Amino acid sequence: MIKIGSAISTNENPVEAANEVFDRAIAALEGNSPDLAFVFVSWAHGPGVDEIVSTLAPRMGDGILLGCTTQATIGEEREVEEGPAVG
């Protein structure tokens, strides 16, 4: 069975936003490590993208982390078009 978790954070600190999103998204996996994760980083967090990746990659274990920057970030039934967001 496939389990999926998602989250979005508008925290202005890129490391805190990354940890917040990971913690909330992984809760849906009931203690299992993710095999694959996608991270979407708003343009406002562009300067902190290296910090976000450095924060998330070690938490993935053997899983794969893919990501990109976005104009708008969508998650948890909302869309963030302005300001910092990680989803």
PDB file of N, CA and C in Angstrom:
ATOM      1  N   MET A   1       0.832  -1.173   0.000  1.00  0.00           N
ATOM      2  CA  MET A   1       0.000   0.000   0.000  1.00  0.00           C
ATOM      3  C   MET A   1       0.883   1.245   0.000  1.00  0.00           C
ATOM      4  N   ILE A   2       0.514   2.213  -0.787  1.00  0.00           N
ATOM      5  CA  ILE A   2       1.239   3.476  -0.867  1.00  0.00           C
ATOM      6  C   ILE A   2       0.699   4.435   0.180  1.00  0.00           C
ATOM      7  N   LYS A   3       1.595   5.025   0.933  1.00  0.00           N
ATOM      8  CA  LYS A   3       1.225   6.056   1.911  1.00  0.00           C
ATOM      9  C   LYS A   3       1.853   7.358   1.455  1.00  0.00           C
ATOM     10  N   ILE A   4       1.073   8.419   1.538  1.00  0.00           N
ATOM     11  CA  ILE A   4       1.526   9.727   1.073  1.00  0.00           C
ATOM     12  C   ILE A   4       1.294  10.753   2.181  1.00  0.00           C
ATOM     13  N   GLY A   5       2.279  11.604   2.373  1.00  0.00           N
ATOM     14  CA  GLY A   5       2.146  12.705   3.313  1.00  0.00           C
ATOM     15  C   GLY A   5       2.497  14.001   2.618  1.00  0.00           C
ATOM     16  N   SER A   6       1.849  15.074   3.003  1.00  0.00           N
ATOM     17  CA  SER A   6       2.181  16.376   2.429  1.00  0.00           C
ATOM     18  C   SER A   6       2.025  17.452   3.491  1.00  0.00           C
ATOM     19  N   ALA A   7       2.704  18.558   3.255  1.00  0.00           N
ATOM     20  CA  ALA A   7       2.653  19.682   4.185  1.00  0.00           C
ATOM     21  C   ALA A   7       3.166  20.919   3.468  1.00  0.00           C
ATOM     22  N   ILE A   8       2.889  22.071   4.053  1.00  0.00           N
ATOM     23  CA  ILE A   8       3.404  23.340   3.539  1.00  0.00           C
ATOM     24  C   ILE A   8       3.766  24.215   4.736  1.00  0.00           C
ATOM     25  N   SER A   9       4.826  24.972   4.597  1.00  0.00           N
ATOM     26  CA  SER A   9       5.245  25.897   5.647  1.00  0.00           C
ATOM     27  C   SER A   9       5.531  27.258   5.032  1.00  0.00           C
ATOM     28  N   THR A  10       5.118  28.295   5.723  1.00  0.00           N
ATOM     29  CA  THR A  10       5.432  29.660   5.299  1.00  0.00           C
ATOM     30  C   THR A  10       6.428  30.308   6.266  1.00  0.00           C
ATOM     31  N   ASN A  11       7.109  29.476   7.017  1.00  0.00           N
ATOM     32  CA  ASN A  11       8.138  29.960   7.939  1.00  0.00           C
ATOM     33  C   ASN A  11       9.214  30.684   7.132  1.00  0.00           C
ATOM     34  N   GLU A  12       9.646  31.835   7.582  1.00  0.00           N
ATOM     35  CA  GLU A  12      10.654  32.623   6.861  1.00  0.00           C
ATOM     36  C   GLU A  12      12.060  32.033   6.968  1.00  0.00           C
ATOM     37  N   ASN A  13      12.307  31.201   7.960  1.00  0.00           N
ATOM     38  CA  ASN A  13      13.607  30.563   8.122  1.00  0.00           C
ATOM     39  C   ASN A  13      13.613  29.279   7.285  1.00  0.00           C
ATOM     40  N   PRO A  14      14.491  29.157   6.286  1.00  0.00           N
ATOM     41  CA  PRO A  14      14.455  27.998   5.392  1.00  0.00           C
ATOM     42  C   PRO A  14      14.681  26.663   6.092  1.00  0.00           C
ATOM     43  N   VAL A  15      15.567  26.610   7.075  1.00  0.00           N
ATOM     44  CA  VAL A  15      15.827  25.354   7.788  1.00  0.00           C
ATOM     45  C   VAL A  15      14.620  24.958   8.634  1.00  0.00           C
ATOM     46  N   GLU A  16      14.047  25.917   9.335  1.00  0.00           N
ATOM     47  CA  GLU A  16      12.863  25.628  10.138  1.00  0.00           C
ATOM     48  C   GLU A  16      11.700  25.204   9.250  1.00  0.00           C
ATOM     49  N   ALA A  17      11.529  25.862   8.110  1.00  0.00           N
ATOM     50  CA  ALA A  17      10.459  25.505   7.177  1.00  0.00           C
ATOM     51  C   ALA A  17      10.647  24.080   6.673  1.00  0.00           C
ATOM     52  N   ALA A  18      11.874  23.713   6.302  1.00  0.00           N
ATOM     53  CA  ALA A  18      12.156  22.359   5.810  1.00  0.00           C
ATOM     54  C   ALA A  18      11.852  21.310   6.869  1.00  0.00           C
ATOM     55  N   ASN A  19      12.304  21.540   8.083  1.00  0.00           N
ATOM     56  CA  ASN A  19      12.045  20.581   9.167  1.00  0.00           C
ATOM     57  C   ASN A  19      10.559  20.470   9.479  1.00  0.00           C
ATOM     58  N   GLU A  20       9.880  21.594   9.485  1.00  0.00           N
ATOM     59  CA  GLU A  20       8.446  21.621   9.760  1.00  0.00           C
ATOM     60  C   GLU A  20       7.682  20.793   8.721  1.00  0.00           C
ATOM     61  N   VAL A  21       7.992  21.006   7.454  1.00  0.00           N
ATOM     62  CA  VAL A  21       7.323  20.281   6.376  1.00  0.00           C
ATOM     63  C   VAL A  21       7.628  18.790   6.462  1.00  0.00           C
ATOM     64  N   PHE A  22       8.887  18.452   6.657  1.00  0.00           N
ATOM     65  CA  PHE A  22       9.260  17.038   6.728  1.00  0.00           C
ATOM     66  C   PHE A  22       8.547  16.347   7.883  1.00  0.00           C
ATOM     67  N   ASP A  23       8.577  16.954   9.060  1.00  0.00           N
ATOM     68  CA  ASP A  23       7.960  16.344  10.235  1.00  0.00           C
ATOM     69  C   ASP A  23       6.468  16.107  10.038  1.00  0.00           C
ATOM     70  N   ARG A  24       5.771  17.071   9.477  1.00  0.00           N
ATOM     71  CA  ARG A  24       4.331  16.922   9.279  1.00  0.00           C
ATOM     72  C   ARG A  24       4.014  15.922   8.172  1.00  0.00           C
ATOM     73  N   ALA A  25       4.796  15.929   7.087  1.00  0.00           N
ATOM     74  CA  ALA A  25       4.541  15.011   5.981  1.00  0.00           C
ATOM     75  C   ALA A  25       4.854  13.570   6.375  1.00  0.00           C
ATOM     76  N   ILE A  26       5.911  13.372   7.134  1.00  0.00           N
ATOM     77  CA  ILE A  26       6.314  12.007   7.509  1.00  0.00           C
ATOM     78  C   ILE A  26       5.361  11.384   8.519  1.00  0.00           C
ATOM     79  N   ALA A  27       4.615  12.189   9.242  1.00  0.00           N
ATOM     80  CA  ALA A  27       3.660  11.663  10.212  1.00  0.00           C
ATOM     81  C   ALA A  27       2.657  10.722   9.542  1.00  0.00           C
ATOM     82  N   ALA A  28       2.317  10.982   8.295  1.00  0.00           N
ATOM     83  CA  ALA A  28       1.368  10.135   7.565  1.00  0.00           C
ATOM     84  C   ALA A  28       1.958   8.773   7.207  1.00  0.00           C
ATOM     85  N   LEU A  29       3.268   8.639   7.300  1.00  0.00           N
ATOM     86  CA  LEU A  29       3.925   7.379   6.930  1.00  0.00           C
ATOM     87  C   LEU A  29       4.010   6.399   8.103  1.00  0.00           C
ATOM     88  N   GLU A  30       3.459   6.781   9.233  1.00  0.00           N
ATOM     89  CA  GLU A  30       3.361   5.918  10.408  1.00  0.00           C
ATOM     90  C   GLU A  30       4.703   5.307  10.808  1.00  0.00           C
ATOM     91  N   GLY A  31       5.742   6.151  10.855  1.00  0.00           N
ATOM     92  CA  GLY A  31       7.051   5.703  11.309  1.00  0.00           C
ATOM     93  C   GLY A  31       7.960   5.131  10.236  1.00  0.00           C
ATOM     94  N   ASN A  32       7.467   4.968   9.022  1.00  0.00           N
ATOM     95  CA  ASN A  32       8.300   4.463   7.925  1.00  0.00           C
ATOM     96  C   ASN A  32       9.096   5.597   7.295  1.00  0.00           C
ATOM     97  N   SER A  33      10.270   5.279   6.798  1.00  0.00           N
ATOM     98  CA  SER A  33      11.081   6.264   6.079  1.00  0.00           C
ATOM     99  C   SER A  33      10.520   6.442   4.673  1.00  0.00           C
ATOM    100  N   PRO A  34      10.584   7.646   4.138  1.00  0.00           N
ATOM    101  CA  PRO A  34      10.079   7.862   2.774  1.00  0.00           C
ATOM    102  C   PRO A  34      11.008   7.248   1.727  1.00  0.00           C
ATOM    103  N   ASP A  35      10.407   6.674   0.696  1.00  0.00           N
ATOM    104  CA  ASP A  35      11.181   6.169  -0.443  1.00  0.00           C
ATOM    105  C   ASP A  35      11.474   7.290  -1.427  1.00  0.00           C
ATOM    106  N   LEU A  36      10.568   8.260  -1.478  1.00  0.00           N
ATOM    107  CA  LEU A  36      10.660   9.351  -2.446  1.00  0.00           C
ATOM    108  C   LEU A  36      10.000  10.586  -1.849  1.00  0.00           C
ATOM    109  N   ALA A  37      10.630  11.727  -2.022  1.00  0.00           N
ATOM    110  CA  ALA A  37      10.037  12.986  -1.557  1.00  0.00           C
ATOM    111  C   ALA A  37      10.275  14.063  -2.608  1.00  0.00           C
ATOM    112  N   PHE A  38       9.278  14.890  -2.789  1.00  0.00           N
ATOM    113  CA  PHE A  38       9.368  16.060  -3.654  1.00  0.00           C
ATOM    114  C   PHE A  38       9.292  17.282  -2.763  1.00  0.00           C
ATOM    115  N   VAL A  39      10.175  18.230  -2.976  1.00  0.00           N
ATOM    116  CA  VAL A  39      10.131  19.478  -2.220  1.00  0.00           C
ATOM    117  C   VAL A  39      10.010  20.627  -3.218  1.00  0.00           C
ATOM    118  N   PHE A  40       9.074  21.515  -2.925  1.00  0.00           N
ATOM    119  CA  PHE A  40       8.824  22.680  -3.767  1.00  0.00           C
ATOM    120  C   PHE A  40       9.146  23.920  -2.947  1.00  0.00           C
ATOM    121  N   VAL A  41      10.051  24.726  -3.448  1.00  0.00           N
ATOM    122  CA  VAL A  41      10.572  25.877  -2.710  1.00  0.00           C
ATOM    123  C   VAL A  41      10.188  27.156  -3.448  1.00  0.00           C
ATOM    124  N   SER A  42       9.513  28.058  -2.767  1.00  0.00           N
ATOM    125  CA  SER A  42       9.100  29.311  -3.400  1.00  0.00           C
ATOM    126  C   SER A  42      10.308  30.160  -3.762  1.00  0.00           C
ATOM    127  N   TRP A  43      10.096  31.066  -4.683  1.00  0.00           N
ATOM    128  CA  TRP A  43      11.158  31.977  -5.135  1.00  0.00           C
ATOM    129  C   TRP A  43      11.738  32.754  -3.959  1.00  0.00           C
ATOM    130  N   ALA A  44      10.920  33.040  -2.949  1.00  0.00           N
ATOM    131  CA  ALA A  44      11.387  33.818  -1.797  1.00  0.00           C
ATOM    132  C   ALA A  44      12.435  33.060  -0.974  1.00  0.00           C
ATOM    133  N   HIS A  45      12.417  31.737  -1.064  1.00  0.00           N
ATOM    134  CA  HIS A  45      13.410  30.925  -0.360  1.00  0.00           C
ATOM    135  C   HIS A  45      14.571  30.547  -1.281  1.00  0.00           C
ATOM    136  N   GLY A  46      14.621  31.105  -2.467  1.00  0.00           N
ATOM    137  CA  GLY A  46      15.694  30.804  -3.417  1.00  0.00           C
ATOM    138  C   GLY A  46      17.085  30.880  -2.817  1.00  0.00           C
ATOM    139  N   PRO A  47      17.402  31.954  -2.075  1.00  0.00           N
ATOM    140  CA  PRO A  47      18.738  32.049  -1.481  1.00  0.00           C
ATOM    141  C   PRO A  47      19.016  30.960  -0.432  1.00  0.00           C
ATOM    142  N   GLY A  48      17.971  30.355   0.109  1.00  0.00           N
ATOM    143  CA  GLY A  48      18.148  29.335   1.147  1.00  0.00           C
ATOM    144  C   GLY A  48      17.959  27.912   0.651  1.00  0.00           C
ATOM    145  N   VAL A  49      17.882  27.736  -0.672  1.00  0.00           N
ATOM    146  CA  VAL A  49      17.600  26.395  -1.195  1.00  0.00           C
ATOM    147  C   VAL A  49      18.685  25.393  -0.820  1.00  0.00           C
ATOM    148  N   ASP A  50      19.933  25.799  -0.775  1.00  0.00           N
ATOM    149  CA  ASP A  50      21.007  24.884  -0.372  1.00  0.00           C
ATOM    150  C   ASP A  50      20.817  24.431   1.077  1.00  0.00           C
ATOM    151  N   GLU A  51      20.393  25.348   1.935  1.00  0.00           N
ATOM    152  CA  GLU A  51      20.133  24.993   3.335  1.00  0.00           C
ATOM    153  C   GLU A  51      18.966  24.023   3.442  1.00  0.00           C
ATOM    154  N   ILE A  52      17.950  24.228   2.622  1.00  0.00           N
ATOM    155  CA  ILE A  52      16.784  23.346   2.634  1.00  0.00           C
ATOM    156  C   ILE A  52      17.195  21.941   2.219  1.00  0.00           C
ATOM    157  N   VAL A  53      17.942  21.831   1.146  1.00  0.00           N
ATOM    158  CA  VAL A  53      18.399  20.518   0.672  1.00  0.00           C
ATOM    159  C   VAL A  53      19.313  19.870   1.706  1.00  0.00           C
ATOM    160  N   SER A  54      20.222  20.638   2.287  1.00  0.00           N
ATOM    161  CA  SER A  54      21.140  20.104   3.301  1.00  0.00           C
ATOM    162  C   SER A  54      20.406  19.637   4.549  1.00  0.00           C
ATOM    163  N   THR A  55      19.267  20.224   4.813  1.00  0.00           N
ATOM    164  CA  THR A  55      18.449  19.831   5.958  1.00  0.00           C
ATOM    165  C   THR A  55      17.661  18.561   5.663  1.00  0.00           C
ATOM    166  N   LEU A  56      17.081  18.490   4.469  1.00  0.00           N
ATOM    167  CA  LEU A  56      16.208  17.361   4.140  1.00  0.00           C
ATOM    168  C   LEU A  56      16.950  16.101   3.710  1.00  0.00           C
ATOM    169  N   ALA A  57      18.012  16.245   2.953  1.00  0.00           N
ATOM    170  CA  ALA A  57      18.700  15.071   2.394  1.00  0.00           C
ATOM    171  C   ALA A  57      19.103  14.041   3.455  1.00  0.00           C
ATOM    172  N   PRO A  58      19.723  14.445   4.555  1.00  0.00           N
ATOM    173  CA  PRO A  58      20.100  13.437   5.558  1.00  0.00           C
ATOM    174  C   PRO A  58      18.896  12.765   6.218  1.00  0.00           C
ATOM    175  N   ARG A  59      17.777  13.444   6.230  1.00  0.00           N
ATOM    176  CA  ARG A  59      16.575  12.883   6.858  1.00  0.00           C
ATOM    177  C   ARG A  59      15.883  11.868   5.963  1.00  0.00           C
ATOM    178  N   MET A  60      16.299  11.787   4.699  1.00  0.00           N
ATOM    179  CA  MET A  60      15.674  10.867   3.747  1.00  0.00           C
ATOM    180  C   MET A  60      16.173   9.432   3.882  1.00  0.00           C
ATOM    181  N   GLY A  61      17.239   9.200   4.620  1.00  0.00           N
ATOM    182  CA  GLY A  61      17.779   7.843   4.707  1.00  0.00           C
ATOM    183  C   GLY A  61      18.202   7.384   3.321  1.00  0.00           C
ATOM    184  N   ASP A  62      17.681   6.252   2.878  1.00  0.00           N
ATOM    185  CA  ASP A  62      17.987   5.728   1.545  1.00  0.00           C
ATOM    186  C   ASP A  62      17.030   6.267   0.480  1.00  0.00           C
ATOM    187  N   GLY A  63      16.081   7.098   0.874  1.00  0.00           N
ATOM    188  CA  GLY A  63      15.089   7.621  -0.066  1.00  0.00           C
ATOM    189  C   GLY A  63      15.663   8.675  -0.998  1.00  0.00           C
ATOM    190  N   ILE A  64      14.907   8.970  -2.028  1.00  0.00           N
ATOM    191  CA  ILE A  64      15.298   9.936  -3.057  1.00  0.00           C
ATOM    192  C   ILE A  64      14.584  11.257  -2.797  1.00  0.00           C
ATOM    193  N   LEU A  65      15.331  12.350  -2.881  1.00  0.00           N
ATOM    194  CA  LEU A  65      14.780  13.694  -2.721  1.00  0.00           C
ATOM    195  C   LEU A  65      14.880  14.424  -4.054  1.00  0.00           C
ATOM    196  N   LEU A  66      13.753  14.873  -4.561  1.00  0.00           N
ATOM    197  CA  LEU A  66      13.694  15.672  -5.780  1.00  0.00           C
ATOM    198  C   LEU A  66      13.046  16.996  -5.443  1.00  0.00           C
ATOM    199  N   GLY A  67      13.400  18.041  -6.171  1.00  0.00           N
ATOM    200  CA  GLY A  67      12.783  19.316  -5.877  1.00  0.00           C
ATOM    201  C   GLY A  67      13.000  20.349  -6.953  1.00  0.00           C
ATOM    202  N   CYS A  68      12.308  21.471  -6.787  1.00  0.00           N
ATOM    203  CA  CYS A  68      12.441  22.587  -7.705  1.00  0.00           C
ATOM    204  C   CYS A  68      11.956  23.859  -7.014  1.00  0.00           C
ATOM    205  N   THR A  69      12.292  24.982  -7.604  1.00  0.00           N
ATOM    206  CA  THR A  69      11.747  26.251  -7.124  1.00  0.00           C
ATOM    207  C   THR A  69      10.436  26.505  -7.857  1.00  0.00           C
ATOM    208  N   THR A  70       9.573  27.287  -7.234  1.00  0.00           N
ATOM    209  CA  THR A  70       8.242  27.523  -7.794  1.00  0.00           C
ATOM    210  C   THR A  70       7.858  28.997  -7.685  1.00  0.00           C
ATOM    211  N   GLN A  71       6.949  29.394  -8.529  1.00  0.00           N
ATOM    212  CA  GLN A  71       6.340  30.718  -8.419  1.00  0.00           C
ATOM    213  C   GLN A  71       5.261  30.692  -7.340  1.00  0.00           C
ATOM    214  N   ALA A  72       4.502  29.589  -7.292  1.00  0.00           N
ATOM    215  CA  ALA A  72       3.461  29.396  -6.280  1.00  0.00           C
ATOM    216  C   ALA A  72       3.635  27.993  -5.697  1.00  0.00           C
ATOM    217  N   THR A  73       3.395  27.852  -4.408  1.00  0.00           N
ATOM    218  CA  THR A  73       3.542  26.568  -3.732  1.00  0.00           C
ATOM    219  C   THR A  73       2.176  26.144  -3.216  1.00  0.00           C
ATOM    220  N   ILE A  74       1.810  24.903  -3.493  1.00  0.00           N
ATOM    221  CA  ILE A  74       0.490  24.393  -3.129  1.00  0.00           C
ATOM    222  C   ILE A  74       0.649  23.245  -2.144  1.00  0.00           C
ATOM    223  N   GLY A  75      -0.193  23.212  -1.135  1.00  0.00           N
ATOM    224  CA  GLY A  75      -0.203  22.111  -0.182  1.00  0.00           C
ATOM    225  C   GLY A  75      -1.264  22.325   0.868  1.00  0.00           C
ATOM    226  N   GLU A  76      -1.697  21.234   1.453  1.00  0.00           N
ATOM    227  CA  GLU A  76      -2.687  21.284   2.525  1.00  0.00           C
ATOM    228  C   GLU A  76      -3.866  22.204   2.194  1.00  0.00           C
ATOM    229  N   GLU A  77      -4.379  22.030   0.999  1.00  0.00           N
ATOM    230  CA  GLU A  77      -5.576  22.740   0.541  1.00  0.00           C
ATOM    231  C   GLU A  77      -5.430  24.257   0.484  1.00  0.00           C
ATOM    232  N   ARG A  78      -4.210  24.729   0.242  1.00  0.00           N
ATOM    233  CA  ARG A  78      -4.014  26.163   0.050  1.00  0.00           C
ATOM    234  C   ARG A  78      -2.864  26.406  -0.916  1.00  0.00           C
ATOM    235  N   GLU A  79      -2.807  27.613  -1.437  1.00  0.00           N
ATOM    236  CA  GLU A  79      -1.764  28.014  -2.376  1.00  0.00           C
ATOM    237  C   GLU A  79      -1.106  29.288  -1.866  1.00  0.00           C
ATOM    238  N   VAL A  80       0.225  29.298  -1.881  1.00  0.00           N
ATOM    239  CA  VAL A  80       0.986  30.469  -1.460  1.00  0.00           C
ATOM    240  C   VAL A  80       1.651  31.039  -2.698  1.00  0.00           C
ATOM    241  N   GLU A  81       1.220  32.234  -3.098  1.00  0.00           N
ATOM    242  CA  GLU A  81       1.756  32.866  -4.307  1.00  0.00           C
ATOM    243  C   GLU A  81       2.789  33.935  -4.000  1.00  0.00           C
ATOM    244  N   GLU A  82       2.807  34.431  -2.782  1.00  0.00           N
ATOM    245  CA  GLU A  82       3.753  35.479  -2.404  1.00  0.00           C
ATOM    246  C   GLU A  82       4.432  35.101  -1.095  1.00  0.00           C
ATOM    247  N   GLY A  83       5.703  35.430  -1.006  1.00  0.00           N
ATOM    248  CA  GLY A  83       6.428  35.181   0.225  1.00  0.00           C
ATOM    249  C   GLY A  83       7.013  33.787   0.287  1.00  0.00           C
ATOM    250  N   PRO A  84       7.658  33.474   1.402  1.00  0.00           N
ATOM    251  CA  PRO A  84       8.341  32.200   1.544  1.00  0.00           C
ATOM    252  C   PRO A  84       7.365  31.041   1.728  1.00  0.00           C
ATOM    253  N   ALA A  85       7.693  29.922   1.086  1.00  0.00           N
ATOM    254  CA  ALA A  85       6.897  28.700   1.259  1.00  0.00           C
ATOM    255  C   ALA A  85       7.742  27.500   0.856  1.00  0.00           C
ATOM    256  N   VAL A  86       7.597  26.448   1.622  1.00  0.00           N
ATOM    257  CA  VAL A  86       8.205  25.151   1.300  1.00  0.00           C
ATOM    258  C   VAL A  86       7.081  24.133   1.397  1.00  0.00           C
ATOM    259  N   GLY A  87       6.994  23.309   0.388  1.00  0.00           N
ATOM    260  CA  GLY A  87       5.934  22.293   0.370  1.00  0.00           C
ATOM    261  C   GLY A  87       6.447  20.981  -0.113  1.00  0.00           C
TER     262      GLY A  87
END
